[in-house]
């Protein structure tokens, strides 16, 4: 699956996207896998309340299943303006 990072999440991880093979069942499981990889992921995902997630371009939550998902995007909350 493709995993995309936006704004300060991308800055902390250092890449805008990557292709991953994962056994994660949910978004939270995927985040746990990423955090275990390197400190830069741990820094990016340190406060999940400051993050939003979209699965195949649909807003979702961290308990959502990943079965059949092709794209996961992590980004900070948006503000209107």
PDB file of N, CA and C in Angstrom:
ATOM      1  N   UNK A   1       0.835  -1.174   0.000  1.00  0.00           N
ATOM      2  CA  UNK A   1       0.000   0.000   0.000  1.00  0.00           C
ATOM      3  C   UNK A   1       0.881   1.239   0.000  1.00  0.00           C
ATOM      4  N   UNK A   2       0.333   2.329  -0.490  1.00  0.00           N
ATOM      5  CA  UNK A   2       1.034   3.602  -0.464  1.00  0.00           C
ATOM      6  C   UNK A   2       0.705   4.320   0.835  1.00  0.00           C
ATOM      7  N   UNK A   3       1.725   4.855   1.495  1.00  0.00           N
ATOM      8  CA  UNK A   3       1.533   5.638   2.708  1.00  0.00           C
ATOM      9  C   UNK A   3       2.068   7.031   2.427  1.00  0.00           C
ATOM     10  N   UNK A   4       1.209   8.032   2.614  1.00  0.00           N
ATOM     11  CA  UNK A   4       1.569   9.418   2.326  1.00  0.00           C
ATOM     12  C   UNK A   4       1.625  10.228   3.607  1.00  0.00           C
ATOM     13  N   UNK A   5       2.575  11.162   3.646  1.00  0.00           N
ATOM     14  CA  UNK A   5       2.768  12.016   4.809  1.00  0.00           C
ATOM     15  C   UNK A   5       2.699  13.476   4.358  1.00  0.00           C
ATOM     16  N   UNK A   6       1.957  14.287   5.104  1.00  0.00           N
ATOM     17  CA  UNK A   6       1.779  15.686   4.739  1.00  0.00           C
ATOM     18  C   UNK A   6       2.207  16.617   5.875  1.00  0.00           C
ATOM     19  N   UNK A   7       2.593  17.840   5.494  1.00  0.00           N
ATOM     20  CA  UNK A   7       2.932  18.929   6.418  1.00  0.00           C
ATOM     21  C   UNK A   7       4.041  18.501   7.387  1.00  0.00           C
ATOM     22  N   UNK A   8       3.866  18.764   8.682  1.00  0.00           N
ATOM     23  CA  UNK A   8       4.944  18.470   9.629  1.00  0.00           C
ATOM     24  C   UNK A   8       5.181  16.974   9.796  1.00  0.00           C
ATOM     25  N   UNK A   9       4.212  16.140   9.465  1.00  0.00           N
ATOM     26  CA  UNK A   9       4.438  14.685   9.515  1.00  0.00           C
ATOM     27  C   UNK A   9       5.525  14.322   8.501  1.00  0.00           C
ATOM     28  N   UNK A  10       5.395  14.863   7.292  1.00  0.00           N
ATOM     29  CA  UNK A  10       6.400  14.638   6.241  1.00  0.00           C
ATOM     30  C   UNK A  10       7.759  15.185   6.678  1.00  0.00           C
ATOM     31  N   UNK A  11       7.762  16.354   7.298  1.00  0.00           N
ATOM     32  CA  UNK A  11       9.031  16.947   7.738  1.00  0.00           C
ATOM     33  C   UNK A  11       9.734  16.078   8.771  1.00  0.00           C
ATOM     34  N   UNK A  12       8.990  15.536   9.712  1.00  0.00           N
ATOM     35  CA  UNK A  12       9.603  14.702  10.754  1.00  0.00           C
ATOM     36  C   UNK A  12      10.100  13.367  10.213  1.00  0.00           C
ATOM     37  N   UNK A  13       9.346  12.783   9.287  1.00  0.00           N
ATOM     38  CA  UNK A  13       9.746  11.486   8.732  1.00  0.00           C
ATOM     39  C   UNK A  13      10.803  11.656   7.646  1.00  0.00           C
ATOM     40  N   UNK A  14      10.720  12.750   6.906  1.00  0.00           N
ATOM     41  CA  UNK A  14      11.744  13.053   5.911  1.00  0.00           C
ATOM     42  C   UNK A  14      11.432  12.607   4.499  1.00  0.00           C
ATOM     43  N   UNK A  15      10.261  12.030   4.285  1.00  0.00           N
ATOM     44  CA  UNK A  15       9.842  11.605   2.944  1.00  0.00           C
ATOM     45  C   UNK A  15       8.346  11.912   2.773  1.00  0.00           C
ATOM     46  N   UNK A  16       7.914  12.173   1.539  1.00  0.00           N
ATOM     47  CA  UNK A  16       6.493  12.461   1.330  1.00  0.00           C
ATOM     48  C   UNK A  16       5.617  11.218   1.220  1.00  0.00           C
ATOM     49  N   UNK A  17       6.201  10.093   0.778  1.00  0.00           N
ATOM     50  CA  UNK A  17       5.412   8.870   0.660  1.00  0.00           C
ATOM     51  C   UNK A  17       6.334   7.672   0.554  1.00  0.00           C
ATOM     52  N   UNK A  18       5.751   6.507   0.791  1.00  0.00           N
ATOM     53  CA  UNK A  18       6.486   5.252   0.629  1.00  0.00           C
ATOM     54  C   UNK A  18       5.493   4.137   0.355  1.00  0.00           C
ATOM     55  N   UNK A  19       5.991   3.090  -0.238  1.00  0.00           N
ATOM     56  CA  UNK A  19       5.175   1.895  -0.512  1.00  0.00           C
ATOM     57  C   UNK A  19       5.557   0.850   0.538  1.00  0.00           C
ATOM     58  N   UNK A  20       4.541   0.316   1.227  1.00  0.00           N
ATOM     59  CA  UNK A  20       4.795  -0.632   2.307  1.00  0.00           C
ATOM     60  C   UNK A  20       4.044  -1.939   2.095  1.00  0.00           C
ATOM     61  N   UNK A  21       4.656  -3.000   2.540  1.00  0.00           N
ATOM     62  CA  UNK A  21       3.994  -4.286   2.709  1.00  0.00           C
ATOM     63  C   UNK A  21       3.767  -4.401   4.208  1.00  0.00           C
ATOM     64  N   UNK A  22       2.547  -4.666   4.622  1.00  0.00           N
ATOM     65  CA  UNK A  22       2.256  -4.727   6.049  1.00  0.00           C
ATOM     66  C   UNK A  22       1.256  -5.831   6.357  1.00  0.00           C
ATOM     67  N   UNK A  23       1.350  -6.334   7.553  1.00  0.00           N
ATOM     68  CA  UNK A  23       0.384  -7.298   8.065  1.00  0.00           C
ATOM     69  C   UNK A  23      -0.586  -6.608   9.018  1.00  0.00           C
ATOM     70  N   UNK A  24      -0.492  -5.288   9.144  1.00  0.00           N
ATOM     71  CA  UNK A  24      -1.329  -4.531  10.071  1.00  0.00           C
ATOM     72  C   UNK A  24      -2.806  -4.700   9.721  1.00  0.00           C
ATOM     73  N   UNK A  25      -3.624  -4.924  10.756  1.00  0.00           N
ATOM     74  CA  UNK A  25      -5.062  -5.098  10.551  1.00  0.00           C
ATOM     75  C   UNK A  25      -5.796  -3.760  10.582  1.00  0.00           C
ATOM     76  N   UNK A  26      -5.264  -2.805  11.346  1.00  0.00           N
ATOM     77  CA  UNK A  26      -5.912  -1.500  11.488  1.00  0.00           C
ATOM     78  C   UNK A  26      -4.881  -0.394  11.283  1.00  0.00           C
ATOM     79  N   UNK A  27      -5.371   0.830  11.193  1.00  0.00           N
ATOM     80  CA  UNK A  27      -4.466   1.979  11.089  1.00  0.00           C
ATOM     81  C   UNK A  27      -3.577   2.040  12.325  1.00  0.00           C
ATOM     82  N   UNK A  28      -4.145   1.816  13.503  1.00  0.00           N
ATOM     83  CA  UNK A  28      -3.350   1.848  14.739  1.00  0.00           C
ATOM     84  C   UNK A  28      -2.224   0.812  14.695  1.00  0.00           C
ATOM     85  N   UNK A  29      -2.504  -0.363  14.157  1.00  0.00           N
ATOM     86  CA  UNK A  29      -1.466  -1.390  14.019  1.00  0.00           C
ATOM     87  C   UNK A  29      -0.366  -0.921  13.069  1.00  0.00           C
ATOM     88  N   UNK A  30      -0.751  -0.264  11.992  1.00  0.00           N
ATOM     89  CA  UNK A  30       0.232   0.274  11.040  1.00  0.00           C
ATOM     90  C   UNK A  30       1.108   1.315  11.713  1.00  0.00           C
ATOM     91  N   UNK A  31       0.494   2.202  12.483  1.00  0.00           N
ATOM     92  CA  UNK A  31       1.254   3.226  13.199  1.00  0.00           C
ATOM     93  C   UNK A  31       2.247   2.560  14.155  1.00  0.00           C
ATOM     94  N   UNK A  32       1.820   1.530  14.861  1.00  0.00           N
ATOM     95  CA  UNK A  32       2.726   0.819  15.775  1.00  0.00           C
ATOM     96  C   UNK A  32       3.902   0.219  15.016  1.00  0.00           C
ATOM     97  N   UNK A  33       3.653  -0.353  13.833  1.00  0.00           N
ATOM     98  CA  UNK A  33       4.743  -0.888  13.006  1.00  0.00           C
ATOM     99  C   UNK A  33       5.718   0.218  12.604  1.00  0.00           C
ATOM    100  N   UNK A  34       5.174   1.352  12.199  1.00  0.00           N
ATOM    101  CA  UNK A  34       6.029   2.466  11.761  1.00  0.00           C
ATOM    102  C   UNK A  34       6.869   2.999  12.920  1.00  0.00           C
ATOM    103  N   UNK A  35       6.233   3.176  14.075  1.00  0.00           N
ATOM    104  CA  UNK A  35       6.954   3.683  15.252  1.00  0.00           C
ATOM    105  C   UNK A  35       8.121   2.761  15.606  1.00  0.00           C
ATOM    106  N   UNK A  36       7.926   1.456  15.458  1.00  0.00           N
ATOM    107  CA  UNK A  36       8.973   0.484  15.793  1.00  0.00           C
ATOM    108  C   UNK A  36      10.137   0.509  14.811  1.00  0.00           C
ATOM    109  N   UNK A  37       9.934   1.109  13.632  1.00  0.00           N
ATOM    110  CA  UNK A  37      10.983   1.120  12.604  1.00  0.00           C
ATOM    111  C   UNK A  37      12.146   2.032  12.952  1.00  0.00           C
ATOM    112  N   UNK A  38      11.833   3.295  13.281  1.00  0.00           N
ATOM    113  CA  UNK A  38      12.882   4.300  13.502  1.00  0.00           C
ATOM    114  C   UNK A  38      12.356   5.419  14.385  1.00  0.00           C
ATOM    115  N   UNK A  39      13.276   6.154  14.988  1.00  0.00           N
ATOM    116  CA  UNK A  39      12.913   7.276  15.861  1.00  0.00           C
ATOM    117  C   UNK A  39      12.144   8.368  15.128  1.00  0.00           C
ATOM    118  N   UNK A  40      12.438   8.565  13.843  1.00  0.00           N
ATOM    119  CA  UNK A  40      11.756   9.635  13.111  1.00  0.00           C
ATOM    120  C   UNK A  40      10.261   9.349  13.004  1.00  0.00           C
ATOM    121  N   UNK A  41       9.869   8.091  12.894  1.00  0.00           N
ATOM    122  CA  UNK A  41       8.451   7.734  12.883  1.00  0.00           C
ATOM    123  C   UNK A  41       7.850   7.930  14.274  1.00  0.00           C
ATOM    124  N   UNK A  42       8.599   7.550  15.295  1.00  0.00           N
ATOM    125  CA  UNK A  42       8.125   7.739  16.668  1.00  0.00           C
ATOM    126  C   UNK A  42       7.868   9.220  16.935  1.00  0.00           C
ATOM    127  N   UNK A  43       8.726  10.087  16.425  1.00  0.00           N
ATOM    128  CA  UNK A  43       8.529  11.533  16.602  1.00  0.00           C
ATOM    129  C   UNK A  43       7.285  12.011  15.867  1.00  0.00           C
ATOM    130  N   UNK A  44       7.074  11.516  14.672  1.00  0.00           N
ATOM    131  CA  UNK A  44       5.929  11.946  13.875  1.00  0.00           C
ATOM    132  C   UNK A  44       4.605  11.471  14.471  1.00  0.00           C
ATOM    133  N   UNK A  45       4.596  10.290  15.080  1.00  0.00           N
ATOM    134  CA  UNK A  45       3.360   9.714  15.598  1.00  0.00           C
ATOM    135  C   UNK A  45       3.270   9.770  17.120  1.00  0.00           C
ATOM    136  N   UNK A  46       4.042  10.652  17.746  1.00  0.00           N
ATOM    137  CA  UNK A  46       4.072  10.746  19.204  1.00  0.00           C
ATOM    138  C   UNK A  46       2.719  11.151  19.797  1.00  0.00           C
ATOM    139  N   UNK A  47       1.971  11.992  19.096  1.00  0.00           N
ATOM    140  CA  UNK A  47       0.682  12.469  19.595  1.00  0.00           C
ATOM    141  C   UNK A  47      -0.388  12.244  18.528  1.00  0.00           C
ATOM    142  N   UNK A  48      -1.051  11.113  18.599  1.00  0.00           N
ATOM    143  CA  UNK A  48      -2.052  10.775  17.585  1.00  0.00           C
ATOM    144  C   UNK A  48      -3.245  11.721  17.604  1.00  0.00           C
ATOM    145  N   UNK A  49      -3.480  12.392  18.725  1.00  0.00           N
ATOM    146  CA  UNK A  49      -4.600  13.340  18.773  1.00  0.00           C
ATOM    147  C   UNK A  49      -4.338  14.550  17.870  1.00  0.00           C
ATOM    148  N   UNK A  50      -3.074  14.741  17.467  1.00  0.00           N
ATOM    149  CA  UNK A  50      -2.702  15.847  16.583  1.00  0.00           C
ATOM    150  C   UNK A  50      -2.661  15.412  15.122  1.00  0.00           C
ATOM    151  N   UNK A  51      -3.146  14.216  14.838  1.00  0.00           N
ATOM    152  CA  UNK A  51      -3.105  13.682  13.471  1.00  0.00           C
ATOM    153  C   UNK A  51      -4.481  13.254  12.988  1.00  0.00           C
ATOM    154  N   UNK A  52      -4.639  13.299  11.688  1.00  0.00           N
ATOM    155  CA  UNK A  52      -5.820  12.761  11.017  1.00  0.00           C
ATOM    156  C   UNK A  52      -5.330  11.722  10.017  1.00  0.00           C
ATOM    157  N   UNK A  53      -6.230  10.845   9.626  1.00  0.00           N
ATOM    158  CA  UNK A  53      -5.868   9.796   8.669  1.00  0.00           C
ATOM    159  C   UNK A  53      -6.979   9.680   7.628  1.00  0.00           C
ATOM    160  N   UNK A  54      -6.570   9.428   6.408  1.00  0.00           N
ATOM    161  CA  UNK A  54      -7.520   9.156   5.323  1.00  0.00           C
ATOM    162  C   UNK A  54      -7.137   7.829   4.680  1.00  0.00           C
ATOM    163  N   UNK A  55      -8.154   7.021   4.404  1.00  0.00           N
ATOM    164  CA  UNK A  55      -7.956   5.741   3.731  1.00  0.00           C
ATOM    165  C   UNK A  55      -8.586   5.848   2.356  1.00  0.00           C
ATOM    166  N   UNK A  56      -7.770   5.665   1.335  1.00  0.00           N
ATOM    167  CA  UNK A  56      -8.237   5.819  -0.047  1.00  0.00           C
ATOM    168  C   UNK A  56      -9.008   7.127  -0.227  1.00  0.00           C
ATOM    169  N   UNK A  57      -8.436   8.195   0.338  1.00  0.00           N
ATOM    170  CA  UNK A  57      -8.928   9.575   0.226  1.00  0.00           C
ATOM    171  C   UNK A  57     -10.251   9.830   0.937  1.00  0.00           C
ATOM    172  N   UNK A  58     -10.579   8.993   1.926  1.00  0.00           N
ATOM    173  CA  UNK A  58     -11.770   9.190   2.758  1.00  0.00           C
ATOM    174  C   UNK A  58     -11.304   9.325   4.206  1.00  0.00           C
ATOM    175  N   UNK A  59     -11.732  10.405   4.890  1.00  0.00           N
ATOM    176  CA  UNK A  59     -11.370  10.559   6.292  1.00  0.00           C
ATOM    177  C   UNK A  59     -11.793   9.337   7.082  1.00  0.00           C
ATOM    178  N   UNK A  60     -10.949   8.927   8.002  1.00  0.00           N
ATOM    179  CA  UNK A  60     -11.206   7.725   8.774  1.00  0.00           C
ATOM    180  C   UNK A  60     -10.667   7.922  10.181  1.00  0.00           C
ATOM    181  N   UNK A  61     -10.572   6.836  10.941  1.00  0.00           N
ATOM    182  CA  UNK A  61      -9.974   6.926  12.269  1.00  0.00           C
ATOM    183  C   UNK A  61      -8.957   5.801  12.447  1.00  0.00           C
ATOM    184  N   UNK A  62      -8.266   5.864  13.558  1.00  0.00           N
ATOM    185  CA  UNK A  62      -7.144   4.954  13.762  1.00  0.00           C
ATOM    186  C   UNK A  62      -7.568   3.516  14.063  1.00  0.00           C
ATOM    187  N   UNK A  63      -8.841   3.294  14.348  1.00  0.00           N
ATOM    188  CA  UNK A  63      -9.317   1.928  14.583  1.00  0.00           C
ATOM    189  C   UNK A  63      -9.836   1.277  13.301  1.00  0.00           C
ATOM    190  N   UNK A  64      -9.811   2.006  12.194  1.00  0.00           N
ATOM    191  CA  UNK A  64     -10.346   1.500  10.925  1.00  0.00           C
ATOM    192  C   UNK A  64      -9.510   0.334  10.393  1.00  0.00           C
ATOM    193  N   UNK A  65     -10.188  -0.665   9.814  1.00  0.00           N
ATOM    194  CA  UNK A  65      -9.461  -1.790   9.219  1.00  0.00           C
ATOM    195  C   UNK A  65      -8.763  -1.388   7.930  1.00  0.00           C
ATOM    196  N   UNK A  66      -7.653  -2.061   7.637  1.00  0.00           N
ATOM    197  CA  UNK A  66      -6.868  -1.780   6.432  1.00  0.00           C
ATOM    198  C   UNK A  66      -7.127  -2.770   5.304  1.00  0.00           C
ATOM    199  N   UNK A  67      -7.975  -3.736   5.524  1.00  0.00           N
ATOM    200  CA  UNK A  67      -8.247  -4.745   4.503  1.00  0.00           C
ATOM    201  C   UNK A  67      -8.723  -4.081   3.211  1.00  0.00           C
ATOM    202  N   UNK A  68      -7.992  -4.293   2.127  1.00  0.00           N
ATOM    203  CA  UNK A  68      -8.355  -3.751   0.829  1.00  0.00           C
ATOM    204  C   UNK A  68      -7.957  -2.304   0.587  1.00  0.00           C
ATOM    205  N   UNK A  69      -7.392  -1.646   1.587  1.00  0.00           N
ATOM    206  CA  UNK A  69      -6.988  -0.245   1.443  1.00  0.00           C
ATOM    207  C   UNK A  69      -5.715  -0.167   0.611  1.00  0.00           C
ATOM    208  N   UNK A  70      -5.686   0.766  -0.333  1.00  0.00           N
ATOM    209  CA  UNK A  70      -4.508   0.937  -1.191  1.00  0.00           C
ATOM    210  C   UNK A  70      -3.688   2.162  -0.822  1.00  0.00           C
ATOM    211  N   UNK A  71      -4.316   3.142  -0.141  1.00  0.00           N
ATOM    212  CA  UNK A  71      -3.588   4.365   0.210  1.00  0.00           C
ATOM    213  C   UNK A  71      -3.990   4.832   1.601  1.00  0.00           C
ATOM    214  N   UNK A  72      -2.977   5.120   2.414  1.00  0.00           N
ATOM    215  CA  UNK A  72      -3.170   5.683   3.748  1.00  0.00           C
ATOM    216  C   UNK A  72      -2.435   7.019   3.773  1.00  0.00           C
ATOM    217  N   UNK A  73      -3.120   8.062   4.209  1.00  0.00           N
ATOM    218  CA  UNK A  73      -2.495   9.385   4.290  1.00  0.00           C
ATOM    219  C   UNK A  73      -2.605   9.913   5.717  1.00  0.00           C
ATOM    220  N   UNK A  74      -1.482  10.421   6.225  1.00  0.00           N
ATOM    221  CA  UNK A  74      -1.438  11.013   7.556  1.00  0.00           C
ATOM    222  C   UNK A  74      -1.183  12.508   7.413  1.00  0.00           C
ATOM    223  N   UNK A  75      -1.929  13.324   8.180  1.00  0.00           N
ATOM    224  CA  UNK A  75      -1.795  14.772   8.072  1.00  0.00           C
ATOM    225  C   UNK A  75      -2.339  15.425   9.347  1.00  0.00           C
ATOM    226  N   UNK A  76      -1.900  16.665   9.620  1.00  0.00           N
ATOM    227  CA  UNK A  76      -2.448  17.389  10.768  1.00  0.00           C
ATOM    228  C   UNK A  76      -3.863  17.860  10.456  1.00  0.00           C
ATOM    229  N   UNK A  77      -4.634  18.211  11.485  1.00  0.00           N
ATOM    230  CA  UNK A  77      -5.980  18.726  11.253  1.00  0.00           C
ATOM    231  C   UNK A  77      -5.936  19.985  10.366  1.00  0.00           C
ATOM    232  N   UNK A  78      -6.942  20.107   9.544  1.00  0.00           N
ATOM    233  CA  UNK A  78      -7.044  21.277   8.670  1.00  0.00           C
ATOM    234  C   UNK A  78      -7.853  22.355   9.379  1.00  0.00           C
ATOM    235  N   UNK A  79      -7.552  23.590   9.069  1.00  0.00           N
ATOM    236  CA  UNK A  79      -8.344  24.695   9.579  1.00  0.00           C
ATOM    237  C   UNK A  79      -8.916  25.468   8.414  1.00  0.00           C
ATOM    238  N   UNK A  80     -10.089  25.952   8.594  1.00  0.00           N
ATOM    239  CA  UNK A  80     -10.730  26.738   7.534  1.00  0.00           C
ATOM    240  C   UNK A  80     -10.172  28.141   7.493  1.00  0.00           C
ATOM    241  N   UNK A  81     -10.441  28.831   6.410  1.00  0.00           N
ATOM    242  CA  UNK A  81      -9.885  30.174   6.364  1.00  0.00           C
ATOM    243  C   UNK A  81     -10.447  30.985   5.261  1.00  0.00           C
TER     244      UNK A  81
END
